[in-house]
């Protein structure tokens, strides 16, 4: 059987799925597995007939795509591996969708995904939670779980004997109701002057719609080394998200030695181990988040223990190299990959 050679046709959506595709493709090439991305414009998602379907490279023997890619872009004659990053048809998402989103997901995306998944030779989900949601939405079976990976050479802790004073929390992510950002202001108001929150700005400026108290400061848009530095300089990640397909921000923060204070929901318990690598709080329970932050800030030995445990958990369970190993093993067992 020939070695896998992987082609990624992908819509450039400026999302976490883009980052996943780029990191996996780079990791495969670093292992000597030929891989290449063909980026499609965003309109390929909602108007696929307006974009010519690119031909796969002659050397490719596997196609790897994300589940939203329209079957128009899936070539015949090559095995298809599909990754599910989240399931937007999860009923738990409904309260956080606008009417237009509900219509788009129900009338268009679900049909696209269902047709795509029927073509897939192997379906992978990034968490057990996403697996269960997809099974319920599409009547699927035999979905393989491969958690997203973190580059622990890049995302790593720095030596920190004690937390900052004021105790420094960090929020990284989009600014919408699904992420629980409406809870940040009441949490920080209750915590007061002995605590501060550094947060990343929203690409579209949505953070400006959420008034925050004076103990919060805007770090702007961060990526690359600046994002790693923000993780390393913080004392804990504050992550009140109401639903995650995986929770990559939590895993990146843990890799940098941050205890994570997150909501006990969706895939987050697969990433954060309660009272070991952080705290899981009831969804929307502001007082529970405040109590967890105060406990962590007042107990330096526990803070140090959680820092070490958080980093170790990522190295053990969510390391990028391990993720790439699993995908290579998956490609190699597809019979038609030769």
C-alpha atoms as a PDB file:
ATOM      1  CA  UNK A   1       0.000   0.000   0.000  1.00  0.00           C
ATOM      2  CA  UNK A   2       1.315   3.443  -0.951  1.00  0.00           C
ATOM      3  CA  UNK A   3       2.043   6.018   1.708  1.00  0.00           C
ATOM      4  CA  UNK A   4      -0.838   8.445   2.247  1.00  0.00           C
ATOM      5  CA  UNK A   5      -0.723  11.671   0.256  1.00  0.00           C
ATOM      6  CA  UNK A   6      -3.401  14.040   1.481  1.00  0.00           C
ATOM      7  CA  UNK A   7      -5.277  16.831  -0.268  1.00  0.00           C
ATOM      8  CA  UNK A   8      -7.263  19.324   1.804  1.00  0.00           C
ATOM      9  CA  UNK A   9      -9.910  21.254  -0.166  1.00  0.00           C
ATOM     10  CA  UNK A  10     -11.129  23.842   2.363  1.00  0.00           C
ATOM     11  CA  UNK A  11     -13.198  27.013   2.517  1.00  0.00           C
ATOM     12  CA  UNK A  12     -11.217  29.922   3.972  1.00  0.00           C
ATOM     13  CA  UNK A  13     -13.563  30.970   6.771  1.00  0.00           C
ATOM     14  CA  UNK A  14     -11.101  32.516   9.270  1.00  0.00           C
ATOM     15  CA  UNK A  15     -12.230  30.001  11.848  1.00  0.00           C
ATOM     16  CA  UNK A  16     -10.767  27.385  14.134  1.00  0.00           C
ATOM     17  CA  UNK A  17     -11.304  24.852  11.357  1.00  0.00           C
ATOM     18  CA  UNK A  18      -8.837  26.820   9.208  1.00  0.00           C
ATOM     19  CA  UNK A  19      -6.241  26.662  11.984  1.00  0.00           C
ATOM     20  CA  UNK A  20      -6.804  22.922  12.381  1.00  0.00           C
ATOM     21  CA  UNK A  21      -6.313  22.320   8.639  1.00  0.00           C
ATOM     22  CA  UNK A  22      -3.165  24.439   8.487  1.00  0.00           C
ATOM     23  CA  UNK A  23      -1.592  22.792  11.528  1.00  0.00           C
ATOM     24  CA  UNK A  24      -2.440  19.257  10.419  1.00  0.00           C
ATOM     25  CA  UNK A  25      -1.154  19.877   6.891  1.00  0.00           C
ATOM     26  CA  UNK A  26       2.108  21.342   8.194  1.00  0.00           C
ATOM     27  CA  UNK A  27       2.502  18.473  10.657  1.00  0.00           C
ATOM     28  CA  UNK A  28       2.009  15.851   7.949  1.00  0.00           C
ATOM     29  CA  UNK A  29       4.603  17.461   5.701  1.00  0.00           C
ATOM     30  CA  UNK A  30       7.040  17.604   8.612  1.00  0.00           C
ATOM     31  CA  UNK A  31       6.603  13.817   8.951  1.00  0.00           C
ATOM     32  CA  UNK A  32       7.306  13.238   5.277  1.00  0.00           C
ATOM     33  CA  UNK A  33       3.619  12.738   4.392  1.00  0.00           C
ATOM     34  CA  UNK A  34       2.863  14.858   1.345  1.00  0.00           C
ATOM     35  CA  UNK A  35      -0.058  17.189   2.024  1.00  0.00           C
ATOM     36  CA  UNK A  36      -1.430  20.355   0.462  1.00  0.00           C
ATOM     37  CA  UNK A  37      -4.352  22.724   1.004  1.00  0.00           C
ATOM     38  CA  UNK A  38      -6.449  24.247  -1.772  1.00  0.00           C
ATOM     39  CA  UNK A  39      -8.252  27.228  -0.280  1.00  0.00           C
ATOM     40  CA  UNK A  40     -11.698  28.070  -1.610  1.00  0.00           C
ATOM     41  CA  UNK A  41     -13.398  31.472  -1.202  1.00  0.00           C
ATOM     42  CA  UNK A  42     -16.043  31.884   1.483  1.00  0.00           C
ATOM     43  CA  UNK A  43     -18.838  31.947  -1.082  1.00  0.00           C
ATOM     44  CA  UNK A  44     -18.064  28.262  -1.766  1.00  0.00           C
ATOM     45  CA  UNK A  45     -19.928  27.571   1.483  1.00  0.00           C
ATOM     46  CA  UNK A  46     -23.210  29.274   0.617  1.00  0.00           C
ATOM     47  CA  UNK A  47     -23.016  29.430  -3.218  1.00  0.00           C
ATOM     48  CA  UNK A  48     -20.909  26.415  -4.251  1.00  0.00           C
ATOM     49  CA  UNK A  49     -22.185  26.521  -7.832  1.00  0.00           C
ATOM     50  CA  UNK A  50     -20.377  29.874  -8.244  1.00  0.00           C
ATOM     51  CA  UNK A  51     -16.941  28.320  -7.600  1.00  0.00           C
ATOM     52  CA  UNK A  52     -15.386  25.800 -10.022  1.00  0.00           C
ATOM     53  CA  UNK A  53     -14.458  22.560  -8.290  1.00  0.00           C
ATOM     54  CA  UNK A  54     -10.651  22.267  -8.224  1.00  0.00           C
ATOM     55  CA  UNK A  55      -9.084  19.024  -9.375  1.00  0.00           C
ATOM     56  CA  UNK A  56      -7.109  17.110  -6.763  1.00  0.00           C
ATOM     57  CA  UNK A  57      -3.349  16.966  -7.317  1.00  0.00           C
ATOM     58  CA  UNK A  58      -2.270  13.957  -9.368  1.00  0.00           C
ATOM     59  CA  UNK A  59      -0.200  12.657  -6.446  1.00  0.00           C
ATOM     60  CA  UNK A  60      -3.068  12.745  -3.893  1.00  0.00           C
ATOM     61  CA  UNK A  61      -4.606   9.453  -2.776  1.00  0.00           C
ATOM     62  CA  UNK A  62      -6.763  10.761   0.134  1.00  0.00           C
ATOM     63  CA  UNK A  63      -9.072  13.751   0.452  1.00  0.00           C
ATOM     64  CA  UNK A  64      -9.495  15.255   3.930  1.00  0.00           C
ATOM     65  CA  UNK A  65     -12.246  17.823   4.365  1.00  0.00           C
ATOM     66  CA  UNK A  66     -14.354  19.530   6.995  1.00  0.00           C
ATOM     67  CA  UNK A  67     -17.993  18.489   7.161  1.00  0.00           C
ATOM     68  CA  UNK A  68     -19.402  21.797   5.858  1.00  0.00           C
ATOM     69  CA  UNK A  69     -17.633  21.411   2.511  1.00  0.00           C
ATOM     70  CA  UNK A  70     -20.258  20.973  -0.210  1.00  0.00           C
ATOM     71  CA  UNK A  71     -20.069  17.606  -2.045  1.00  0.00           C
ATOM     72  CA  UNK A  72     -19.560  19.635  -5.245  1.00  0.00           C
ATOM     73  CA  UNK A  73     -15.923  19.911  -4.131  1.00  0.00           C
ATOM     74  CA  UNK A  74     -15.430  16.227  -3.232  1.00  0.00           C
ATOM     75  CA  UNK A  75     -13.830  14.330  -6.120  1.00  0.00           C
ATOM     76  CA  UNK A  76     -14.947  10.879  -7.149  1.00  0.00           C
ATOM     77  CA  UNK A  77     -12.530   7.974  -6.978  1.00  0.00           C
ATOM     78  CA  UNK A  78     -10.574   9.023  -3.878  1.00  0.00           C
ATOM     79  CA  UNK A  79     -11.335   8.050  -0.260  1.00  0.00           C
ATOM     80  CA  UNK A  80     -12.664  10.876   1.863  1.00  0.00           C
ATOM     81  CA  UNK A  81     -11.858  11.563   5.516  1.00  0.00           C
ATOM     82  CA  UNK A  82     -14.163  14.113   7.130  1.00  0.00           C
ATOM     83  CA  UNK A  83     -13.642  15.982  10.393  1.00  0.00           C
ATOM     84  CA  UNK A  84     -16.581  17.277  12.431  1.00  0.00           C
ATOM     85  CA  UNK A  85     -15.433  20.288  14.476  1.00  0.00           C
ATOM     86  CA  UNK A  86     -18.806  20.968  16.044  1.00  0.00           C
ATOM     87  CA  UNK A  87     -22.443  20.105  15.427  1.00  0.00           C
ATOM     88  CA  UNK A  88     -24.493  23.242  14.808  1.00  0.00           C
ATOM     89  CA  UNK A  89     -27.654  21.117  14.819  1.00  0.00           C
ATOM     90  CA  UNK A  90     -27.257  20.414  18.539  1.00  0.00           C
ATOM     91  CA  UNK A  91     -30.525  21.512  20.241  1.00  0.00           C
ATOM     92  CA  UNK A  92     -28.415  23.079  23.008  1.00  0.00           C
ATOM     93  CA  UNK A  93     -27.293  25.711  20.485  1.00  0.00           C
ATOM     94  CA  UNK A  94     -30.784  26.880  19.567  1.00  0.00           C
ATOM     95  CA  UNK A  95     -31.171  29.625  22.237  1.00  0.00           C
ATOM     96  CA  UNK A  96     -28.003  31.323  20.963  1.00  0.00           C
ATOM     97  CA  UNK A  97     -28.844  31.453  17.266  1.00  0.00           C
ATOM     98  CA  UNK A  98     -30.408  34.364  15.460  1.00  0.00           C
ATOM     99  CA  UNK A  99     -33.435  33.560  13.311  1.00  0.00           C
ATOM    100  CA  UNK A 100     -31.342  33.849  10.143  1.00  0.00           C
ATOM    101  CA  UNK A 101     -28.749  31.435  11.542  1.00  0.00           C
ATOM    102  CA  UNK A 102     -31.410  28.896  12.465  1.00  0.00           C
ATOM    103  CA  UNK A 103     -32.820  29.067   8.946  1.00  0.00           C
ATOM    104  CA  UNK A 104     -29.383  28.810   7.311  1.00  0.00           C
ATOM    105  CA  UNK A 105     -28.305  25.858   9.435  1.00  0.00           C
ATOM    106  CA  UNK A 106     -31.593  23.993   9.049  1.00  0.00           C
ATOM    107  CA  UNK A 107     -32.386  24.625   5.391  1.00  0.00           C
ATOM    108  CA  UNK A 108     -28.880  24.693   3.912  1.00  0.00           C
ATOM    109  CA  UNK A 109     -26.036  23.450   6.120  1.00  0.00           C
ATOM    110  CA  UNK A 110     -27.775  20.334   7.402  1.00  0.00           C
ATOM    111  CA  UNK A 111     -28.514  19.223   3.835  1.00  0.00           C
ATOM    112  CA  UNK A 112     -24.923  19.944   2.781  1.00  0.00           C
ATOM    113  CA  UNK A 113     -23.465  18.076   5.746  1.00  0.00           C
ATOM    114  CA  UNK A 114     -25.773  15.095   5.339  1.00  0.00           C
ATOM    115  CA  UNK A 115     -24.818  14.736   1.666  1.00  0.00           C
ATOM    116  CA  UNK A 116     -21.130  15.183   2.493  1.00  0.00           C
ATOM    117  CA  UNK A 117     -21.192  12.629   5.310  1.00  0.00           C
ATOM    118  CA  UNK A 118     -22.814  10.035   3.051  1.00  0.00           C
ATOM    119  CA  UNK A 119     -19.784  10.342   0.792  1.00  0.00           C
ATOM    120  CA  UNK A 120     -17.221  10.064   3.594  1.00  0.00           C
ATOM    121  CA  UNK A 121     -15.236   6.846   4.023  1.00  0.00           C
ATOM    122  CA  UNK A 122     -14.234   7.798   7.564  1.00  0.00           C
ATOM    123  CA  UNK A 123     -15.743  10.399   9.901  1.00  0.00           C
ATOM    124  CA  UNK A 124     -13.769  11.915  12.769  1.00  0.00           C
ATOM    125  CA  UNK A 125     -15.064  14.193  15.533  1.00  0.00           C
ATOM    126  CA  UNK A 126     -12.895  16.359  17.760  1.00  0.00           C
ATOM    127  CA  UNK A 127     -14.658  15.332  20.999  1.00  0.00           C
ATOM    128  CA  UNK A 128     -16.981  12.733  22.404  1.00  0.00           C
ATOM    129  CA  UNK A 129     -19.567  15.459  22.896  1.00  0.00           C
ATOM    130  CA  UNK A 130     -19.496  16.410  19.200  1.00  0.00           C
ATOM    131  CA  UNK A 131     -19.721  12.710  18.333  1.00  0.00           C
ATOM    132  CA  UNK A 132     -22.919  12.297  20.353  1.00  0.00           C
ATOM    133  CA  UNK A 133     -24.474  15.444  18.868  1.00  0.00           C
ATOM    134  CA  UNK A 134     -23.664  14.348  15.300  1.00  0.00           C
ATOM    135  CA  UNK A 135     -24.950  10.838  15.904  1.00  0.00           C
ATOM    136  CA  UNK A 136     -28.253  12.295  17.092  1.00  0.00           C
ATOM    137  CA  UNK A 137     -28.513  14.822  14.242  1.00  0.00           C
ATOM    138  CA  UNK A 138     -27.600  12.501  11.370  1.00  0.00           C
ATOM    139  CA  UNK A 139     -28.216   8.971  12.674  1.00  0.00           C
ATOM    140  CA  UNK A 140     -24.521   8.187  12.317  1.00  0.00           C
ATOM    141  CA  UNK A 141     -22.443   5.406  13.821  1.00  0.00           C
ATOM    142  CA  UNK A 142     -18.749   4.543  13.978  1.00  0.00           C
ATOM    143  CA  UNK A 143     -17.469   8.115  14.343  1.00  0.00           C
ATOM    144  CA  UNK A 144     -13.867   8.109  15.510  1.00  0.00           C
ATOM    145  CA  UNK A 145     -12.815  10.638  18.153  1.00  0.00           C
ATOM    146  CA  UNK A 146      -9.462  12.371  17.650  1.00  0.00           C
ATOM    147  CA  UNK A 147      -9.103  15.311  19.994  1.00  0.00           C
ATOM    148  CA  UNK A 148      -7.518  18.459  18.635  1.00  0.00           C
ATOM    149  CA  UNK A 149      -3.820  18.821  19.329  1.00  0.00           C
ATOM    150  CA  UNK A 150      -1.698  21.589  20.806  1.00  0.00           C
ATOM    151  CA  UNK A 151       1.923  22.260  19.874  1.00  0.00           C
ATOM    152  CA  UNK A 152       3.471  21.943  23.333  1.00  0.00           C
ATOM    153  CA  UNK A 153       6.841  23.152  22.082  1.00  0.00           C
ATOM    154  CA  UNK A 154       5.178  26.464  21.252  1.00  0.00           C
ATOM    155  CA  UNK A 155       2.531  26.584  23.989  1.00  0.00           C
ATOM    156  CA  UNK A 156       4.526  25.981  27.164  1.00  0.00           C
ATOM    157  CA  UNK A 157       4.733  27.360  30.702  1.00  0.00           C
ATOM    158  CA  UNK A 158       7.307  29.791  32.034  1.00  0.00           C
ATOM    159  CA  UNK A 159       8.682  29.615  35.569  1.00  0.00           C
ATOM    160  CA  UNK A 160       6.166  31.251  37.928  1.00  0.00           C
ATOM    161  CA  UNK A 161       6.727  30.842  41.699  1.00  0.00           C
ATOM    162  CA  UNK A 162       3.529  32.662  42.645  1.00  0.00           C
ATOM    163  CA  UNK A 163       0.533  34.302  40.978  1.00  0.00           C
ATOM    164  CA  UNK A 164       0.385  37.993  40.157  1.00  0.00           C
ATOM    165  CA  UNK A 165      -1.062  40.522  42.524  1.00  0.00           C
ATOM    166  CA  UNK A 166      -3.684  41.552  41.485  1.00  0.00           C
ATOM    167  CA  UNK A 167      -4.537  38.010  40.409  1.00  0.00           C
ATOM    168  CA  UNK A 168      -4.622  38.046  36.592  1.00  0.00           C
ATOM    169  CA  UNK A 169      -7.380  36.286  34.675  1.00  0.00           C
ATOM    170  CA  UNK A 170      -7.425  35.898  30.909  1.00  0.00           C
ATOM    171  CA  UNK A 171     -10.275  35.523  28.416  1.00  0.00           C
ATOM    172  CA  UNK A 172      -9.503  34.473  24.836  1.00  0.00           C
ATOM    173  CA  UNK A 173     -12.229  33.949  22.252  1.00  0.00           C
ATOM    174  CA  UNK A 174     -15.091  35.403  20.278  1.00  0.00           C
ATOM    175  CA  UNK A 175     -17.563  37.791  21.834  1.00  0.00           C
ATOM    176  CA  UNK A 176     -21.049  36.369  21.607  1.00  0.00           C
ATOM    177  CA  UNK A 177     -23.646  34.950  23.975  1.00  0.00           C
ATOM    178  CA  UNK A 178     -22.617  31.363  23.257  1.00  0.00           C
ATOM    179  CA  UNK A 179     -19.185  32.097  24.735  1.00  0.00           C
ATOM    180  CA  UNK A 180     -20.726  33.418  27.937  1.00  0.00           C
ATOM    181  CA  UNK A 181     -19.055  36.815  27.611  1.00  0.00           C
ATOM    182  CA  UNK A 182     -22.089  38.474  29.211  1.00  0.00           C
ATOM    183  CA  UNK A 183     -20.921  36.840  32.463  1.00  0.00           C
ATOM    184  CA  UNK A 184     -17.493  38.489  32.440  1.00  0.00           C
ATOM    185  CA  UNK A 185     -18.690  41.867  33.758  1.00  0.00           C
ATOM    186  CA  UNK A 186     -20.671  40.528  36.757  1.00  0.00           C
ATOM    187  CA  UNK A 187     -17.861  38.117  37.635  1.00  0.00           C
ATOM    188  CA  UNK A 188     -15.246  40.882  37.588  1.00  0.00           C
ATOM    189  CA  UNK A 189     -17.511  43.292  39.472  1.00  0.00           C
ATOM    190  CA  UNK A 190     -17.926  40.757  42.269  1.00  0.00           C
ATOM    191  CA  UNK A 191     -14.190  40.007  42.359  1.00  0.00           C
ATOM    192  CA  UNK A 192     -13.181  43.664  42.735  1.00  0.00           C
ATOM    193  CA  UNK A 193      -9.829  45.436  42.712  1.00  0.00           C
ATOM    194  CA  UNK A 194      -7.671  42.491  43.798  1.00  0.00           C
ATOM    195  CA  UNK A 195      -8.362  40.806  40.460  1.00  0.00           C
ATOM    196  CA  UNK A 196      -7.960  41.850  36.869  1.00  0.00           C
ATOM    197  CA  UNK A 197      -9.115  40.436  33.546  1.00  0.00           C
ATOM    198  CA  UNK A 198      -7.101  40.742  30.349  1.00  0.00           C
ATOM    199  CA  UNK A 199      -9.129  39.882  27.260  1.00  0.00           C
ATOM    200  CA  UNK A 200      -8.608  39.597  23.532  1.00  0.00           C
ATOM    201  CA  UNK A 201     -10.631  41.770  21.197  1.00  0.00           C
ATOM    202  CA  UNK A 202     -13.241  40.439  18.819  1.00  0.00           C
ATOM    203  CA  UNK A 203     -12.381  40.575  15.113  1.00  0.00           C
ATOM    204  CA  UNK A 204     -15.625  42.403  14.358  1.00  0.00           C
ATOM    205  CA  UNK A 205     -15.491  44.674  17.407  1.00  0.00           C
ATOM    206  CA  UNK A 206     -18.275  42.837  19.259  1.00  0.00           C
ATOM    207  CA  UNK A 207     -16.413  43.236  22.570  1.00  0.00           C
ATOM    208  CA  UNK A 208     -17.349  46.922  22.518  1.00  0.00           C
ATOM    209  CA  UNK A 209     -21.005  45.958  23.042  1.00  0.00           C
ATOM    210  CA  UNK A 210     -20.211  44.461  26.461  1.00  0.00           C
ATOM    211  CA  UNK A 211     -19.427  47.165  29.072  1.00  0.00           C
ATOM    212  CA  UNK A 212     -16.778  45.959  31.512  1.00  0.00           C
ATOM    213  CA  UNK A 213     -15.672  47.300  34.914  1.00  0.00           C
ATOM    214  CA  UNK A 214     -12.330  49.124  35.384  1.00  0.00           C
ATOM    215  CA  UNK A 215     -10.464  45.950  36.422  1.00  0.00           C
ATOM    216  CA  UNK A 216     -10.618  44.702  32.804  1.00  0.00           C
ATOM    217  CA  UNK A 217      -8.250  45.611  29.983  1.00  0.00           C
ATOM    218  CA  UNK A 218      -8.262  44.991  26.267  1.00  0.00           C
ATOM    219  CA  UNK A 219      -5.198  43.216  24.806  1.00  0.00           C
ATOM    220  CA  UNK A 220      -6.359  43.741  21.210  1.00  0.00           C
ATOM    221  CA  UNK A 221      -6.223  41.022  18.587  1.00  0.00           C
ATOM    222  CA  UNK A 222      -3.486  38.501  19.430  1.00  0.00           C
ATOM    223  CA  UNK A 223      -1.895  35.685  17.479  1.00  0.00           C
ATOM    224  CA  UNK A 224       1.403  33.838  17.319  1.00  0.00           C
ATOM    225  CA  UNK A 225       3.977  34.651  19.978  1.00  0.00           C
ATOM    226  CA  UNK A 226       1.853  37.452  21.474  1.00  0.00           C
ATOM    227  CA  UNK A 227      -0.953  35.005  22.257  1.00  0.00           C
ATOM    228  CA  UNK A 228       1.455  32.551  23.892  1.00  0.00           C
ATOM    229  CA  UNK A 229       2.894  35.392  25.995  1.00  0.00           C
ATOM    230  CA  UNK A 230      -0.606  36.395  27.131  1.00  0.00           C
ATOM    231  CA  UNK A 231      -1.263  32.834  28.306  1.00  0.00           C
ATOM    232  CA  UNK A 232       2.095  32.637  30.080  1.00  0.00           C
ATOM    233  CA  UNK A 233       1.653  35.932  31.930  1.00  0.00           C
ATOM    234  CA  UNK A 234      -1.841  35.155  33.205  1.00  0.00           C
ATOM    235  CA  UNK A 235      -2.685  33.233  36.372  1.00  0.00           C
ATOM    236  CA  UNK A 236      -5.836  31.439  35.167  1.00  0.00           C
ATOM    237  CA  UNK A 237      -8.099  31.255  32.150  1.00  0.00           C
ATOM    238  CA  UNK A 238     -11.662  32.431  32.735  1.00  0.00           C
ATOM    239  CA  UNK A 239     -13.797  30.564  30.204  1.00  0.00           C
ATOM    240  CA  UNK A 240     -17.563  30.722  30.836  1.00  0.00           C
ATOM    241  CA  UNK A 241     -18.467  29.367  27.369  1.00  0.00           C
ATOM    242  CA  UNK A 242     -21.867  27.693  27.227  1.00  0.00           C
ATOM    243  CA  UNK A 243     -20.960  25.229  24.487  1.00  0.00           C
ATOM    244  CA  UNK A 244     -17.742  24.064  22.820  1.00  0.00           C
ATOM    245  CA  UNK A 245     -17.134  21.519  20.080  1.00  0.00           C
ATOM    246  CA  UNK A 246     -13.744  20.831  21.683  1.00  0.00           C
ATOM    247  CA  UNK A 247     -12.319  23.764  23.656  1.00  0.00           C
ATOM    248  CA  UNK A 248      -8.987  24.530  21.989  1.00  0.00           C
ATOM    249  CA  UNK A 249      -8.501  27.766  23.950  1.00  0.00           C
ATOM    250  CA  UNK A 250      -8.740  25.814  27.209  1.00  0.00           C
ATOM    251  CA  UNK A 251      -6.211  23.244  25.956  1.00  0.00           C
ATOM    252  CA  UNK A 252      -3.776  25.950  24.774  1.00  0.00           C
ATOM    253  CA  UNK A 253      -4.044  27.737  28.119  1.00  0.00           C
ATOM    254  CA  UNK A 254      -3.416  24.500  30.017  1.00  0.00           C
ATOM    255  CA  UNK A 255      -0.378  23.785  27.851  1.00  0.00           C
ATOM    256  CA  UNK A 256       0.985  27.134  29.051  1.00  0.00           C
ATOM    257  CA  UNK A 257       0.412  26.131  32.667  1.00  0.00           C
ATOM    258  CA  UNK A 258      -2.868  27.945  33.248  1.00  0.00           C
ATOM    259  CA  UNK A 259      -5.536  26.452  35.475  1.00  0.00           C
ATOM    260  CA  UNK A 260      -8.859  26.823  33.646  1.00  0.00           C
ATOM    261  CA  UNK A 261     -12.075  28.006  35.281  1.00  0.00           C
ATOM    262  CA  UNK A 262     -14.747  26.900  32.838  1.00  0.00           C
ATOM    263  CA  UNK A 263     -18.397  25.985  32.593  1.00  0.00           C
ATOM    264  CA  UNK A 264     -19.248  22.337  33.221  1.00  0.00           C
ATOM    265  CA  UNK A 265     -20.823  21.780  29.828  1.00  0.00           C
ATOM    266  CA  UNK A 266     -20.482  20.153  26.396  1.00  0.00           C
ATOM    267  CA  UNK A 267     -16.897  19.049  25.639  1.00  0.00           C
ATOM    268  CA  UNK A 268     -15.166  21.079  28.342  1.00  0.00           C
ATOM    269  CA  UNK A 269     -15.126  18.249  30.926  1.00  0.00           C
ATOM    270  CA  UNK A 270     -13.144  16.236  28.349  1.00  0.00           C
ATOM    271  CA  UNK A 271     -10.429  18.911  28.520  1.00  0.00           C
ATOM    272  CA  UNK A 272     -10.553  20.296  32.074  1.00  0.00           C
ATOM    273  CA  UNK A 273     -10.443  17.887  35.020  1.00  0.00           C
ATOM    274  CA  UNK A 274     -12.349  19.431  37.916  1.00  0.00           C
ATOM    275  CA  UNK A 275     -10.152  20.268  40.923  1.00  0.00           C
ATOM    276  CA  UNK A 276      -7.063  18.895  39.138  1.00  0.00           C
ATOM    277  CA  UNK A 277      -6.394  21.148  36.150  1.00  0.00           C
ATOM    278  CA  UNK A 278      -8.924  23.813  37.074  1.00  0.00           C
ATOM    279  CA  UNK A 279     -12.535  24.159  38.133  1.00  0.00           C
ATOM    280  CA  UNK A 280     -15.768  23.332  36.319  1.00  0.00           C
ATOM    281  CA  UNK A 281     -18.634  25.583  37.374  1.00  0.00           C
ATOM    282  CA  UNK A 282     -22.369  25.257  36.743  1.00  0.00           C
ATOM    283  CA  UNK A 283     -23.365  27.057  33.549  1.00  0.00           C
ATOM    284  CA  UNK A 284     -24.242  30.742  34.141  1.00  0.00           C
ATOM    285  CA  UNK A 285     -23.488  30.510  37.885  1.00  0.00           C
ATOM    286  CA  UNK A 286     -21.611  33.768  38.463  1.00  0.00           C
ATOM    287  CA  UNK A 287     -21.080  33.113  42.175  1.00  0.00           C
ATOM    288  CA  UNK A 288     -19.538  29.720  41.441  1.00  0.00           C
ATOM    289  CA  UNK A 289     -17.036  31.280  39.041  1.00  0.00           C
ATOM    290  CA  UNK A 290     -16.195  33.968  41.592  1.00  0.00           C
ATOM    291  CA  UNK A 291     -15.678  31.397  44.354  1.00  0.00           C
ATOM    292  CA  UNK A 292     -13.397  29.280  42.164  1.00  0.00           C
ATOM    293  CA  UNK A 293     -11.258  32.301  41.251  1.00  0.00           C
ATOM    294  CA  UNK A 294     -10.956  33.399  44.867  1.00  0.00           C
ATOM    295  CA  UNK A 295     -10.042  29.911  46.040  1.00  0.00           C
ATOM    296  CA  UNK A 296      -7.308  29.615  43.420  1.00  0.00           C
ATOM    297  CA  UNK A 297      -5.896  33.078  44.090  1.00  0.00           C
ATOM    298  CA  UNK A 298      -5.688  32.495  47.846  1.00  0.00           C
ATOM    299  CA  UNK A 299      -3.998  29.070  47.713  1.00  0.00           C
ATOM    300  CA  UNK A 300      -0.598  29.269  46.026  1.00  0.00           C
ATOM    301  CA  UNK A 301       0.276  25.556  46.531  1.00  0.00           C
ATOM    302  CA  UNK A 302      -2.985  24.557  44.801  1.00  0.00           C
ATOM    303  CA  UNK A 303      -2.293  27.073  42.020  1.00  0.00           C
ATOM    304  CA  UNK A 304       1.194  25.584  41.494  1.00  0.00           C
ATOM    305  CA  UNK A 305      -0.177  22.020  41.538  1.00  0.00           C
ATOM    306  CA  UNK A 306      -2.870  22.862  38.992  1.00  0.00           C
ATOM    307  CA  UNK A 307      -0.348  24.608  36.732  1.00  0.00           C
ATOM    308  CA  UNK A 308       1.754  21.460  36.584  1.00  0.00           C
ATOM    309  CA  UNK A 309      -1.243  19.145  36.198  1.00  0.00           C
ATOM    310  CA  UNK A 310      -2.712  21.281  33.408  1.00  0.00           C
ATOM    311  CA  UNK A 311       0.473  21.181  31.356  1.00  0.00           C
ATOM    312  CA  UNK A 312       0.920  17.459  31.963  1.00  0.00           C
ATOM    313  CA  UNK A 313      -2.635  16.708  30.858  1.00  0.00           C
ATOM    314  CA  UNK A 314      -2.110  18.453  27.533  1.00  0.00           C
ATOM    315  CA  UNK A 315       1.185  16.644  26.981  1.00  0.00           C
ATOM    316  CA  UNK A 316      -0.511  13.322  27.752  1.00  0.00           C
ATOM    317  CA  UNK A 317      -3.895  13.763  26.051  1.00  0.00           C
ATOM    318  CA  UNK A 318      -3.823  16.651  23.569  1.00  0.00           C
ATOM    319  CA  UNK A 319      -0.315  16.804  22.163  1.00  0.00           C
ATOM    320  CA  UNK A 320      -0.149  17.832  18.496  1.00  0.00           C
ATOM    321  CA  UNK A 321       2.256  15.033  17.602  1.00  0.00           C
ATOM    322  CA  UNK A 322      -0.132  12.446  19.046  1.00  0.00           C
ATOM    323  CA  UNK A 323      -3.002  13.920  17.015  1.00  0.00           C
ATOM    324  CA  UNK A 324      -0.945  13.722  13.829  1.00  0.00           C
ATOM    325  CA  UNK A 325       0.070  10.138  14.656  1.00  0.00           C
ATOM    326  CA  UNK A 326      -3.587   9.164  14.909  1.00  0.00           C
ATOM    327  CA  UNK A 327      -4.499  10.771  11.611  1.00  0.00           C
ATOM    328  CA  UNK A 328      -1.583   9.080   9.845  1.00  0.00           C
ATOM    329  CA  UNK A 329      -2.668   5.724  11.291  1.00  0.00           C
ATOM    330  CA  UNK A 330      -6.215   6.403  10.104  1.00  0.00           C
ATOM    331  CA  UNK A 331      -5.053   7.285   6.571  1.00  0.00           C
ATOM    332  CA  UNK A 332      -2.917   4.138   6.405  1.00  0.00           C
ATOM    333  CA  UNK A 333      -5.774   1.815   7.248  1.00  0.00           C
ATOM    334  CA  UNK A 334      -8.095   3.100   4.517  1.00  0.00           C
ATOM    335  CA  UNK A 335      -7.955   0.233   1.972  1.00  0.00           C
ATOM    336  CA  UNK A 336      -8.357   2.423  -1.069  1.00  0.00           C
ATOM    337  CA  UNK A 337      -5.493   4.750  -0.137  1.00  0.00           C
ATOM    338  CA  UNK A 338      -3.102   2.932  -2.481  1.00  0.00           C
END
